[in-house]
């Protein structure tokens, strides 16, 4: 049996645990991050690709770190894993994952985007988005990003 390439899509939730040691206007105590990752997996068949992708997902979530607010940040694998067998070997421009969904013709493109990515994706304010995710970034990285001259 020959080896094949798969794009494996997995889903995670990142949370900050513990009482923050400090707080500022950017801190949101109720927010979490949902992350969708697609990684390349080399396997002989879809079942093996799924097993390997789940193992990789568990390894991805095995580390924790502290954020700038002194909280412990944890990533949890949500158990979702979907593998897509690639038509071609990995290279520039090669599709690594594809997902098709049937949508009624009456649903506008704007509604498709909103349903898929949420209302906030329609117009992204990158500065606010960065500030809102500070509690999910490691303390060391956040300090470098907030004080680039100090690095």
Foldseek 3Di string as FASTA:
>chain_A
DDKFKKWKKFKKKKDWDDDFQDDDPLEDNPDIDMDIDIDIDIDDDPVVRQVVVVVVVVVVQPDWAAAQRRTIMGMGTPPDMDIDTFPDDDDPPGDRDDDDDDDDPPQDPLNVCCVVPNPCVVDDDPVSVVSNCRRNDHHVVSVCVVCVVVD
